[in-house]
Every structure is written in structure tokens, then in C-alpha cells.
Amino acid sequence: MNKSDITRDFCMLKGPLAKKGYDWWWHSFTAEHVKTGEQKSFYIEYFLCNPARAQQGPVLVWNDPAGRQAGKRPSYCMVNAGFWGKEKGQLHRFFPWSQVSIPPE
């Protein structure tokens, strides 16, 4: 399992996965305050969900019981940035697929 395979970094949402799948990348970093030298860890996350079900806006169904019951499926690209610690926080931004461009490789 320790073999390098760059294709695992490509977007995998093709074929059946484009309608019923998700892809996720997560990167963690450490920043250092320029004056105090204090270090703080933070992350950036990319979450892609069901591009073949794209609509005009991002489709979020976890707060929509009627939509879930009607068979509505999520479809969006989410960017999430956040940090840990005593003063933790995070920001989410959801995009419709019409505003997203992801190269196949």
C-alpha cells in the first residue's frame, strides 16, 4: 500500500460515481505569527459531491427532510477552512457545479 499512485490525487467522480459519489481532499498546515512566534495549525478541505446531479445552485439536503424524503440528493463543491485550539473555528463555502472547474488530471 506504500506505492505511489498519482492517479489517486485526480478527481474520481466519473461514471457512476458522478451521480452517486463524493471526493475529498484535506490539507493541514502550521502558521507562525510573525511577531510572537506562536504557531497555529489550520486546514483546508475540498469536498466534491455528485457533479452529475448539478443544479443552478448547490443542493444541500441535510436540513431539508422533505427533500430527502422526495429522493433529492446533494450536489455541490464545498471549501472548508478552519483551525484548532482554544480559539477554534471554521468557515464553509458551498459552490454550484456551474462555478467549479476541476481538471480531470
N, C-alpha and C. Protein backbone atom coordinates (compact mmCIF):
# COMPACT_ATOMS: atom_id res chain seq x y z
N MET A 1 0.81 -1.20 0.00
CA MET A 1 0.00 0.00 0.00
C MET A 1 0.85 1.26 0.00
N ASN A 2 2.14 1.10 0.09
CA ASN A 2 3.01 2.26 0.17
C ASN A 2 3.51 2.70 -1.20
N LYS A 3 2.92 2.15 -2.28
CA LYS A 3 3.34 2.52 -3.63
C LYS A 3 2.70 3.84 -4.01
N SER A 4 3.48 4.69 -4.63
CA SER A 4 2.96 5.99 -5.10
C SER A 4 2.05 5.78 -6.31
N ASP A 5 0.90 6.43 -6.29
CA ASP A 5 -0.03 6.36 -7.42
C ASP A 5 -0.67 7.74 -7.56
N ILE A 6 -0.11 8.56 -8.42
CA ILE A 6 -0.56 9.94 -8.59
C ILE A 6 -2.02 10.02 -9.03
N THR A 7 -2.53 8.96 -9.67
CA THR A 7 -3.92 9.00 -10.13
C THR A 7 -4.90 9.05 -8.96
N ARG A 8 -4.47 8.65 -7.76
CA ARG A 8 -5.34 8.75 -6.60
C ARG A 8 -5.60 10.21 -6.21
N ASP A 9 -4.76 11.13 -6.70
CA ASP A 9 -4.96 12.55 -6.44
C ASP A 9 -5.93 13.20 -7.44
N PHE A 10 -6.26 12.49 -8.52
CA PHE A 10 -7.18 13.02 -9.52
C PHE A 10 -8.61 12.95 -8.99
N CYS A 11 -9.48 13.76 -9.55
CA CYS A 11 -10.89 13.68 -9.20
C CYS A 11 -11.43 12.33 -9.68
N MET A 12 -12.09 11.60 -8.80
CA MET A 12 -12.57 10.26 -9.11
C MET A 12 -14.05 10.22 -9.52
N LEU A 13 -14.69 11.37 -9.62
CA LEU A 13 -16.14 11.41 -9.86
C LEU A 13 -16.47 11.31 -11.34
N LYS A 14 -16.27 10.11 -11.87
CA LYS A 14 -16.58 9.81 -13.27
C LYS A 14 -17.49 8.59 -13.28
N GLY A 15 -18.18 8.38 -14.39
CA GLY A 15 -19.06 7.23 -14.50
C GLY A 15 -20.13 7.24 -13.42
N PRO A 16 -20.41 6.09 -12.80
CA PRO A 16 -21.48 6.02 -11.79
C PRO A 16 -21.20 6.91 -10.57
N LEU A 17 -19.92 7.14 -10.26
CA LEU A 17 -19.59 7.97 -9.10
C LEU A 17 -19.98 9.44 -9.29
N ALA A 18 -20.16 9.87 -10.53
CA ALA A 18 -20.54 11.26 -10.79
C ALA A 18 -21.96 11.55 -10.30
N LYS A 19 -22.78 10.50 -10.20
CA LYS A 19 -24.16 10.66 -9.75
C LYS A 19 -24.36 10.23 -8.31
N LYS A 20 -23.50 9.36 -7.84
CA LYS A 20 -23.68 8.80 -6.51
C LYS A 20 -22.30 8.61 -5.87
N GLY A 21 -21.63 9.75 -5.64
CA GLY A 21 -20.31 9.64 -5.05
C GLY A 21 -19.79 10.98 -4.57
N TYR A 22 -18.69 10.91 -3.84
CA TYR A 22 -18.04 12.14 -3.39
C TYR A 22 -16.53 11.94 -3.44
N ASP A 23 -15.83 13.04 -3.47
CA ASP A 23 -14.37 13.04 -3.44
C ASP A 23 -13.95 14.09 -2.43
N TRP A 24 -12.82 13.86 -1.77
CA TRP A 24 -12.45 14.70 -0.64
C TRP A 24 -10.93 14.83 -0.56
N TRP A 25 -10.46 16.05 -0.43
CA TRP A 25 -9.05 16.32 -0.19
C TRP A 25 -8.95 17.17 1.07
N TRP A 26 -7.94 16.92 1.86
CA TRP A 26 -7.79 17.60 3.13
C TRP A 26 -6.30 17.87 3.33
N HIS A 27 -5.96 19.12 3.63
CA HIS A 27 -4.56 19.51 3.82
C HIS A 27 -4.43 20.25 5.14
N SER A 28 -3.42 19.91 5.92
CA SER A 28 -3.20 20.63 7.17
C SER A 28 -1.87 21.38 7.09
N PHE A 29 -1.84 22.52 7.77
CA PHE A 29 -0.68 23.42 7.74
C PHE A 29 -0.42 23.95 9.14
N THR A 30 0.75 24.52 9.33
CA THR A 30 1.06 25.24 10.56
C THR A 30 1.58 26.62 10.15
N ALA A 31 0.98 27.65 10.76
CA ALA A 31 1.41 29.02 10.51
C ALA A 31 2.11 29.55 11.76
N GLU A 32 2.97 30.53 11.57
CA GLU A 32 3.68 31.13 12.69
C GLU A 32 3.43 32.63 12.70
N HIS A 33 3.00 33.15 13.85
CA HIS A 33 2.74 34.57 13.99
C HIS A 33 4.06 35.32 13.82
N VAL A 34 4.09 36.32 12.95
CA VAL A 34 5.33 37.00 12.60
C VAL A 34 5.95 37.73 13.80
N LYS A 35 5.15 38.23 14.73
CA LYS A 35 5.70 38.98 15.87
C LYS A 35 5.94 38.11 17.11
N THR A 36 4.99 37.24 17.44
CA THR A 36 5.10 36.47 18.68
C THR A 36 5.77 35.11 18.49
N GLY A 37 5.81 34.61 17.26
CA GLY A 37 6.37 33.29 17.01
C GLY A 37 5.42 32.16 17.35
N GLU A 38 4.23 32.50 17.85
CA GLU A 38 3.25 31.46 18.20
C GLU A 38 2.84 30.70 16.95
N GLN A 39 2.76 29.38 17.07
CA GLN A 39 2.35 28.54 15.95
C GLN A 39 0.90 28.13 16.10
N LYS A 40 0.22 28.05 14.97
CA LYS A 40 -1.19 27.65 14.98
C LYS A 40 -1.42 26.73 13.78
N SER A 41 -2.06 25.61 14.04
CA SER A 41 -2.38 24.66 12.98
C SER A 41 -3.72 25.02 12.36
N PHE A 42 -3.84 24.84 11.05
CA PHE A 42 -5.09 25.07 10.35
C PHE A 42 -5.20 24.10 9.18
N TYR A 43 -6.37 24.05 8.58
CA TYR A 43 -6.59 23.11 7.48
C TYR A 43 -7.45 23.76 6.40
N ILE A 44 -7.36 23.16 5.23
CA ILE A 44 -8.23 23.49 4.10
C ILE A 44 -8.74 22.16 3.56
N GLU A 45 -10.04 22.09 3.36
CA GLU A 45 -10.68 20.86 2.92
C GLU A 45 -11.51 21.15 1.66
N TYR A 46 -11.45 20.24 0.70
CA TYR A 46 -12.25 20.32 -0.51
C TYR A 46 -13.14 19.08 -0.54
N PHE A 47 -14.43 19.28 -0.69
CA PHE A 47 -15.36 18.15 -0.70
C PHE A 47 -16.25 18.31 -1.93
N LEU A 48 -16.21 17.33 -2.83
CA LEU A 48 -16.98 17.35 -4.06
C LEU A 48 -18.06 16.28 -3.97
N CYS A 49 -19.27 16.63 -4.37
CA CYS A 49 -20.39 15.70 -4.19
C CYS A 49 -21.31 15.69 -5.42
N ASN A 50 -21.48 14.54 -6.01
CA ASN A 50 -22.45 14.28 -7.08
C ASN A 50 -22.50 15.34 -8.20
N PRO A 51 -21.44 15.54 -8.96
CA PRO A 51 -21.47 16.57 -10.01
C PRO A 51 -22.51 16.30 -11.10
N ALA A 52 -22.83 15.04 -11.37
CA ALA A 52 -23.82 14.74 -12.42
C ALA A 52 -25.24 15.11 -12.00
N ARG A 53 -25.44 15.46 -10.76
CA ARG A 53 -26.77 15.89 -10.28
C ARG A 53 -26.83 17.42 -10.13
N ALA A 54 -25.92 18.11 -10.77
CA ALA A 54 -25.80 19.56 -10.62
C ALA A 54 -27.10 20.29 -10.96
N GLN A 55 -27.37 21.33 -10.20
CA GLN A 55 -28.48 22.24 -10.45
C GLN A 55 -27.93 23.66 -10.45
N GLN A 56 -28.80 24.64 -10.56
CA GLN A 56 -28.34 26.02 -10.66
C GLN A 56 -27.57 26.47 -9.42
N GLY A 57 -28.00 26.03 -8.26
CA GLY A 57 -27.32 26.35 -7.01
C GLY A 57 -26.84 25.08 -6.34
N PRO A 58 -26.02 25.19 -5.29
CA PRO A 58 -25.61 23.99 -4.58
C PRO A 58 -26.83 23.33 -3.93
N VAL A 59 -26.89 22.02 -3.97
CA VAL A 59 -28.02 21.28 -3.38
C VAL A 59 -27.55 20.68 -2.06
N LEU A 60 -28.11 21.20 -0.97
CA LEU A 60 -27.78 20.72 0.37
C LEU A 60 -29.06 20.14 0.95
N VAL A 61 -29.03 18.89 1.36
CA VAL A 61 -30.28 18.25 1.80
C VAL A 61 -30.30 17.86 3.27
N TRP A 62 -29.22 18.07 4.01
CA TRP A 62 -29.25 17.61 5.40
C TRP A 62 -30.22 18.41 6.27
N ASN A 63 -30.57 19.63 5.87
CA ASN A 63 -31.57 20.42 6.60
C ASN A 63 -32.91 20.45 5.87
N ASP A 64 -33.13 19.52 4.97
CA ASP A 64 -34.33 19.51 4.15
C ASP A 64 -34.99 18.12 4.20
N PRO A 65 -35.71 17.81 5.30
CA PRO A 65 -36.33 16.48 5.42
C PRO A 65 -37.26 16.15 4.26
N ALA A 66 -38.02 17.14 3.79
CA ALA A 66 -38.95 16.90 2.67
C ALA A 66 -38.16 16.56 1.41
N GLY A 67 -37.06 17.26 1.17
CA GLY A 67 -36.22 16.97 0.01
C GLY A 67 -35.63 15.58 0.07
N ARG A 68 -35.15 15.20 1.25
CA ARG A 68 -34.59 13.85 1.42
C ARG A 68 -35.66 12.79 1.19
N GLN A 69 -36.86 13.04 1.72
CA GLN A 69 -37.95 12.07 1.55
C GLN A 69 -38.37 11.97 0.09
N ALA A 70 -38.24 13.05 -0.66
CA ALA A 70 -38.58 13.05 -2.09
C ALA A 70 -37.46 12.46 -2.94
N GLY A 71 -36.36 12.04 -2.31
CA GLY A 71 -35.26 11.44 -3.05
C GLY A 71 -34.23 12.42 -3.55
N LYS A 72 -34.29 13.65 -3.09
CA LYS A 72 -33.32 14.66 -3.51
C LYS A 72 -31.94 14.27 -2.99
N ARG A 73 -30.92 14.42 -3.82
CA ARG A 73 -29.55 14.07 -3.46
C ARG A 73 -28.69 15.32 -3.45
N PRO A 74 -27.68 15.39 -2.60
CA PRO A 74 -26.82 16.56 -2.55
C PRO A 74 -25.96 16.68 -3.81
N SER A 75 -25.60 17.91 -4.16
CA SER A 75 -24.72 18.17 -5.28
C SER A 75 -24.07 19.53 -5.07
N TYR A 76 -22.76 19.53 -4.83
CA TYR A 76 -22.07 20.79 -4.55
C TYR A 76 -20.56 20.56 -4.51
N CYS A 77 -19.84 21.65 -4.47
CA CYS A 77 -18.42 21.66 -4.16
C CYS A 77 -18.28 22.53 -2.91
N MET A 78 -17.68 21.99 -1.87
CA MET A 78 -17.51 22.74 -0.63
C MET A 78 -16.03 22.99 -0.37
N VAL A 79 -15.71 24.21 0.04
CA VAL A 79 -14.38 24.53 0.53
C VAL A 79 -14.56 24.89 2.00
N ASN A 80 -13.79 24.25 2.86
CA ASN A 80 -13.88 24.46 4.29
C ASN A 80 -12.48 24.80 4.80
N ALA A 81 -12.35 25.86 5.55
CA ALA A 81 -11.08 26.24 6.16
C ALA A 81 -11.32 26.43 7.65
N GLY A 82 -10.38 25.96 8.45
CA GLY A 82 -10.57 26.09 9.88
C GLY A 82 -9.28 25.90 10.64
N PHE A 83 -9.39 26.05 11.96
CA PHE A 83 -8.23 25.88 12.82
C PHE A 83 -8.67 25.31 14.16
N TRP A 84 -7.72 24.71 14.86
CA TRP A 84 -7.99 24.04 16.13
C TRP A 84 -7.48 24.89 17.28
N GLY A 85 -7.71 24.42 18.48
CA GLY A 85 -7.17 25.06 19.68
C GLY A 85 -8.24 25.75 20.50
N LYS A 86 -7.78 26.56 21.45
CA LYS A 86 -8.68 27.25 22.37
C LYS A 86 -9.63 28.18 21.61
N GLU A 87 -9.14 28.84 20.60
CA GLU A 87 -9.96 29.75 19.78
C GLU A 87 -10.21 29.11 18.43
N LYS A 88 -10.86 27.97 18.45
CA LYS A 88 -11.09 27.21 17.21
C LYS A 88 -12.19 27.85 16.36
N GLY A 89 -12.22 27.50 15.09
CA GLY A 89 -13.27 28.00 14.21
C GLY A 89 -13.14 27.39 12.83
N GLN A 90 -14.19 27.54 12.04
CA GLN A 90 -14.16 27.06 10.66
C GLN A 90 -15.15 27.83 9.80
N LEU A 91 -14.87 27.88 8.52
CA LEU A 91 -15.74 28.52 7.54
C LEU A 91 -16.02 27.52 6.43
N HIS A 92 -17.27 27.45 6.01
CA HIS A 92 -17.68 26.59 4.89
C HIS A 92 -18.19 27.49 3.77
N ARG A 93 -17.88 27.13 2.55
CA ARG A 93 -18.43 27.83 1.39
C ARG A 93 -18.85 26.77 0.39
N PHE A 94 -20.09 26.84 -0.05
CA PHE A 94 -20.66 25.86 -0.99
C PHE A 94 -20.83 26.51 -2.36
N PHE A 95 -20.43 25.79 -3.39
CA PHE A 95 -20.50 26.30 -4.76
C PHE A 95 -21.32 25.35 -5.62
N PRO A 96 -22.12 25.88 -6.56
CA PRO A 96 -22.78 25.00 -7.54
C PRO A 96 -21.73 24.55 -8.56
N TRP A 97 -21.98 23.44 -9.18
CA TRP A 97 -21.02 22.91 -10.14
C TRP A 97 -20.80 23.84 -11.33
N SER A 98 -21.75 24.72 -11.63
CA SER A 98 -21.57 25.66 -12.75
C SER A 98 -20.45 26.65 -12.47
N GLN A 99 -20.03 26.79 -11.22
CA GLN A 99 -18.96 27.73 -10.85
C GLN A 99 -17.65 27.01 -10.53
N VAL A 100 -17.58 25.74 -10.84
CA VAL A 100 -16.41 24.93 -10.48
C VAL A 100 -15.73 24.40 -11.72
N SER A 101 -14.41 24.45 -11.72
CA SER A 101 -13.63 23.87 -12.80
C SER A 101 -12.53 23.01 -12.18
N ILE A 102 -12.63 21.71 -12.41
CA ILE A 102 -11.64 20.78 -11.85
C ILE A 102 -11.05 20.00 -13.00
N PRO A 103 -9.74 20.11 -13.20
CA PRO A 103 -9.11 19.37 -14.30
C PRO A 103 -9.20 17.87 -14.05
N PRO A 104 -9.37 17.08 -15.10
CA PRO A 104 -9.51 15.63 -14.94
C PRO A 104 -8.23 14.98 -14.40
N GLU A 105 -7.10 15.63 -14.58
CA GLU A 105 -5.83 15.08 -14.10
C GLU A 105 -5.04 16.16 -13.39
